Amino acid sequence: MRRWSDSKEACANGRSHSAPKTEAGVWEKVRAYLMSPETLRADLERAIEFRRAEMRGDPEREVKAWLEKLSEADNLRRAGRRADLRPR
């Protein structure tokens, strides 16, 4: 964190960002994707192919990844059930 150890001039970024400005910037990026279905489709296809290539060739790793995802989902479900049972 050079800004705080050296000086404010060492780093152009402040400690935090304005939520309205950040949200507006994010929305513009999302909106641009939604307005360009070809770009969105191409990016999604590239991401899917990346995932396929990542898993290709090692079925045991793929099984392990899916078992971890299932376990995580189960843990979230149990945590939600416990939260629902707590008195309010």
Foldseek 3Di string as FASTA:
>chain_A
DCCVVPHVVVDVDDPDDDVVVVVVVVVVVVVVCVVDVVVVVVVVVVVVVVVCVVCPPPVVVVVVVVVVVVVVVVVVVVVVVVVVPDDD
